[in-house]
Amino acid sequence: MNTLSQPSTSAFQFDDSQRTRCEVWTRVMGYHRPVSSFNIGKQGEFGERRFFLEERAR
């Protein structure tokens, strides 16, 4: 049996100059768009969305 060891989280310390912006994309009307390109109202609407899973039909 193989055992996996978890790397120490302290080994991954980054300062702000090493970080990059994470772009969030969403599917709108059949195509994908970055959320950053939305107007302020659409960005607010995106933030209020709730994700859910439906149960399987019987």
N, C-alpha and C. Protein backbone atom coordinates (compact mmCIF):
# COMPACT_ATOMS: atom_id res chain seq x y z
N MET A 1 0.84 -1.18 0.00
CA MET A 1 0.00 0.00 0.00
C MET A 1 0.89 1.25 0.00
N ASN A 2 0.53 2.21 -0.81
CA ASN A 2 1.28 3.46 -0.87
C ASN A 2 0.66 4.47 0.08
N THR A 3 1.49 5.23 0.73
CA THR A 3 0.98 6.31 1.58
C THR A 3 1.39 7.63 0.96
N LEU A 4 0.47 8.55 0.99
CA LEU A 4 0.74 9.89 0.45
C LEU A 4 0.99 10.84 1.60
N SER A 5 2.00 11.64 1.46
CA SER A 5 2.27 12.64 2.47
C SER A 5 1.83 14.00 1.95
N GLN A 6 1.22 14.77 2.80
CA GLN A 6 0.77 16.11 2.45
C GLN A 6 1.92 17.09 2.62
N PRO A 7 2.16 17.95 1.62
CA PRO A 7 3.20 18.96 1.79
C PRO A 7 2.78 19.98 2.85
N SER A 8 3.73 20.50 3.51
CA SER A 8 3.46 21.52 4.52
C SER A 8 2.94 22.78 3.84
N THR A 9 1.86 23.35 4.40
CA THR A 9 1.31 24.57 3.80
C THR A 9 2.24 25.76 3.99
N SER A 10 3.13 25.68 4.96
CA SER A 10 4.07 26.79 5.17
C SER A 10 5.09 26.86 4.03
N ALA A 11 5.21 25.81 3.24
CA ALA A 11 6.14 25.81 2.11
C ALA A 11 5.62 26.67 0.96
N PHE A 12 4.35 27.05 1.00
CA PHE A 12 3.74 27.80 -0.08
C PHE A 12 3.36 29.21 0.36
N GLN A 13 4.31 29.95 0.83
CA GLN A 13 4.07 31.33 1.24
C GLN A 13 4.40 32.26 0.08
N PHE A 14 3.42 33.03 -0.37
CA PHE A 14 3.63 33.96 -1.48
C PHE A 14 3.34 35.38 -1.01
N ASP A 15 4.11 36.33 -1.52
CA ASP A 15 3.76 37.71 -1.23
C ASP A 15 2.90 38.23 -2.38
N ASP A 16 2.32 39.40 -2.20
CA ASP A 16 1.36 39.93 -3.16
C ASP A 16 1.95 40.14 -4.55
N SER A 17 3.25 40.36 -4.66
CA SER A 17 3.85 40.57 -5.98
C SER A 17 3.88 39.29 -6.81
N GLN A 18 3.74 38.13 -6.18
CA GLN A 18 3.77 36.85 -6.89
C GLN A 18 2.37 36.36 -7.27
N ARG A 19 1.35 37.04 -6.83
CA ARG A 19 -0.02 36.60 -7.10
C ARG A 19 -0.49 37.08 -8.46
N THR A 20 -1.44 36.34 -9.04
CA THR A 20 -2.06 36.75 -10.30
C THR A 20 -3.56 36.78 -10.12
N ARG A 21 -4.22 37.58 -10.94
CA ARG A 21 -5.67 37.72 -10.86
C ARG A 21 -6.33 36.44 -11.37
N CYS A 22 -7.34 35.98 -10.66
CA CYS A 22 -8.10 34.80 -11.06
C CYS A 22 -9.35 35.28 -11.79
N GLU A 23 -9.47 34.93 -13.05
CA GLU A 23 -10.61 35.35 -13.87
C GLU A 23 -11.74 34.33 -13.73
N VAL A 24 -12.93 34.81 -13.38
CA VAL A 24 -14.11 33.95 -13.25
C VAL A 24 -14.93 34.08 -14.51
N TRP A 25 -15.27 32.94 -15.12
CA TRP A 25 -16.09 32.91 -16.33
C TRP A 25 -17.41 32.25 -16.02
N THR A 26 -18.45 32.63 -16.75
CA THR A 26 -19.76 32.01 -16.60
C THR A 26 -20.40 31.85 -17.97
N ARG A 27 -21.36 30.97 -18.04
CA ARG A 27 -22.04 30.71 -19.30
C ARG A 27 -23.28 31.60 -19.37
N VAL A 28 -23.36 32.42 -20.41
CA VAL A 28 -24.48 33.33 -20.60
C VAL A 28 -25.05 33.11 -21.99
N MET A 29 -26.31 32.76 -22.07
CA MET A 29 -27.01 32.61 -23.35
C MET A 29 -26.25 31.72 -24.33
N GLY A 30 -25.69 30.63 -23.83
CA GLY A 30 -25.05 29.65 -24.71
C GLY A 30 -23.58 29.87 -24.99
N TYR A 31 -22.98 30.92 -24.47
CA TYR A 31 -21.54 31.12 -24.66
C TYR A 31 -20.92 31.59 -23.36
N HIS A 32 -19.62 31.50 -23.26
CA HIS A 32 -18.91 31.83 -22.03
C HIS A 32 -18.35 33.25 -22.08
N ARG A 33 -18.48 33.96 -20.94
CA ARG A 33 -17.97 35.33 -20.81
C ARG A 33 -17.31 35.51 -19.46
N PRO A 34 -16.27 36.34 -19.38
CA PRO A 34 -15.69 36.64 -18.07
C PRO A 34 -16.63 37.56 -17.29
N VAL A 35 -16.78 37.29 -16.02
CA VAL A 35 -17.67 38.09 -15.17
C VAL A 35 -17.18 39.54 -15.10
N SER A 36 -15.88 39.76 -15.23
CA SER A 36 -15.34 41.12 -15.16
C SER A 36 -15.83 42.00 -16.30
N SER A 37 -16.33 41.39 -17.39
CA SER A 37 -16.82 42.19 -18.52
C SER A 37 -18.29 42.59 -18.33
N PHE A 38 -18.95 42.09 -17.28
CA PHE A 38 -20.35 42.44 -17.02
C PHE A 38 -20.44 43.88 -16.51
N ASN A 39 -21.59 44.51 -16.74
CA ASN A 39 -21.81 45.82 -16.14
C ASN A 39 -22.08 45.63 -14.64
N ILE A 40 -22.13 46.71 -13.88
CA ILE A 40 -22.22 46.61 -12.42
C ILE A 40 -23.49 45.90 -11.97
N GLY A 41 -24.60 46.10 -12.68
CA GLY A 41 -25.85 45.43 -12.32
C GLY A 41 -25.78 43.93 -12.53
N LYS A 42 -25.21 43.52 -13.64
CA LYS A 42 -25.08 42.10 -13.95
C LYS A 42 -24.09 41.43 -12.99
N GLN A 43 -23.04 42.13 -12.60
CA GLN A 43 -22.10 41.58 -11.62
C GLN A 43 -22.79 41.35 -10.28
N GLY A 44 -23.66 42.29 -9.89
CA GLY A 44 -24.43 42.13 -8.65
C GLY A 44 -25.37 40.95 -8.73
N GLU A 45 -26.02 40.79 -9.88
CA GLU A 45 -26.92 39.66 -10.08
C GLU A 45 -26.14 38.34 -10.00
N PHE A 46 -24.97 38.30 -10.60
CA PHE A 46 -24.14 37.10 -10.55
C PHE A 46 -23.78 36.74 -9.11
N GLY A 47 -23.49 37.75 -8.30
CA GLY A 47 -23.15 37.51 -6.89
C GLY A 47 -24.30 36.99 -6.06
N GLU A 48 -25.53 37.25 -6.49
CA GLU A 48 -26.72 36.80 -5.75
C GLU A 48 -27.21 35.43 -6.19
N ARG A 49 -26.64 34.86 -7.23
CA ARG A 49 -27.10 33.56 -7.73
C ARG A 49 -26.88 32.47 -6.69
N ARG A 50 -27.81 31.52 -6.69
CA ARG A 50 -27.69 30.36 -5.81
C ARG A 50 -27.62 29.11 -6.67
N PHE A 51 -26.69 28.26 -6.35
CA PHE A 51 -26.52 27.02 -7.10
C PHE A 51 -27.19 25.89 -6.33
N PHE A 52 -27.85 25.01 -7.04
CA PHE A 52 -28.57 23.93 -6.39
C PHE A 52 -28.51 22.68 -7.27
N LEU A 53 -28.81 21.56 -6.66
CA LEU A 53 -28.90 20.29 -7.38
C LEU A 53 -30.32 19.77 -7.23
N GLU A 54 -30.92 19.37 -8.33
CA GLU A 54 -32.26 18.81 -8.28
C GLU A 54 -32.17 17.31 -8.07
N GLU A 55 -33.20 16.78 -7.42
CA GLU A 55 -33.25 15.34 -7.23
C GLU A 55 -33.67 14.68 -8.53
N ARG A 56 -33.30 13.44 -8.68
CA ARG A 56 -33.66 12.67 -9.87
C ARG A 56 -35.17 12.44 -9.91
N ALA A 57 -35.77 12.58 -11.09
CA ALA A 57 -37.21 12.35 -11.26
C ALA A 57 -37.51 10.87 -11.06
N ARG A 58 -38.69 10.61 -10.51
CA ARG A 58 -39.07 9.20 -10.27
C ARG A 58 -39.90 8.67 -11.39
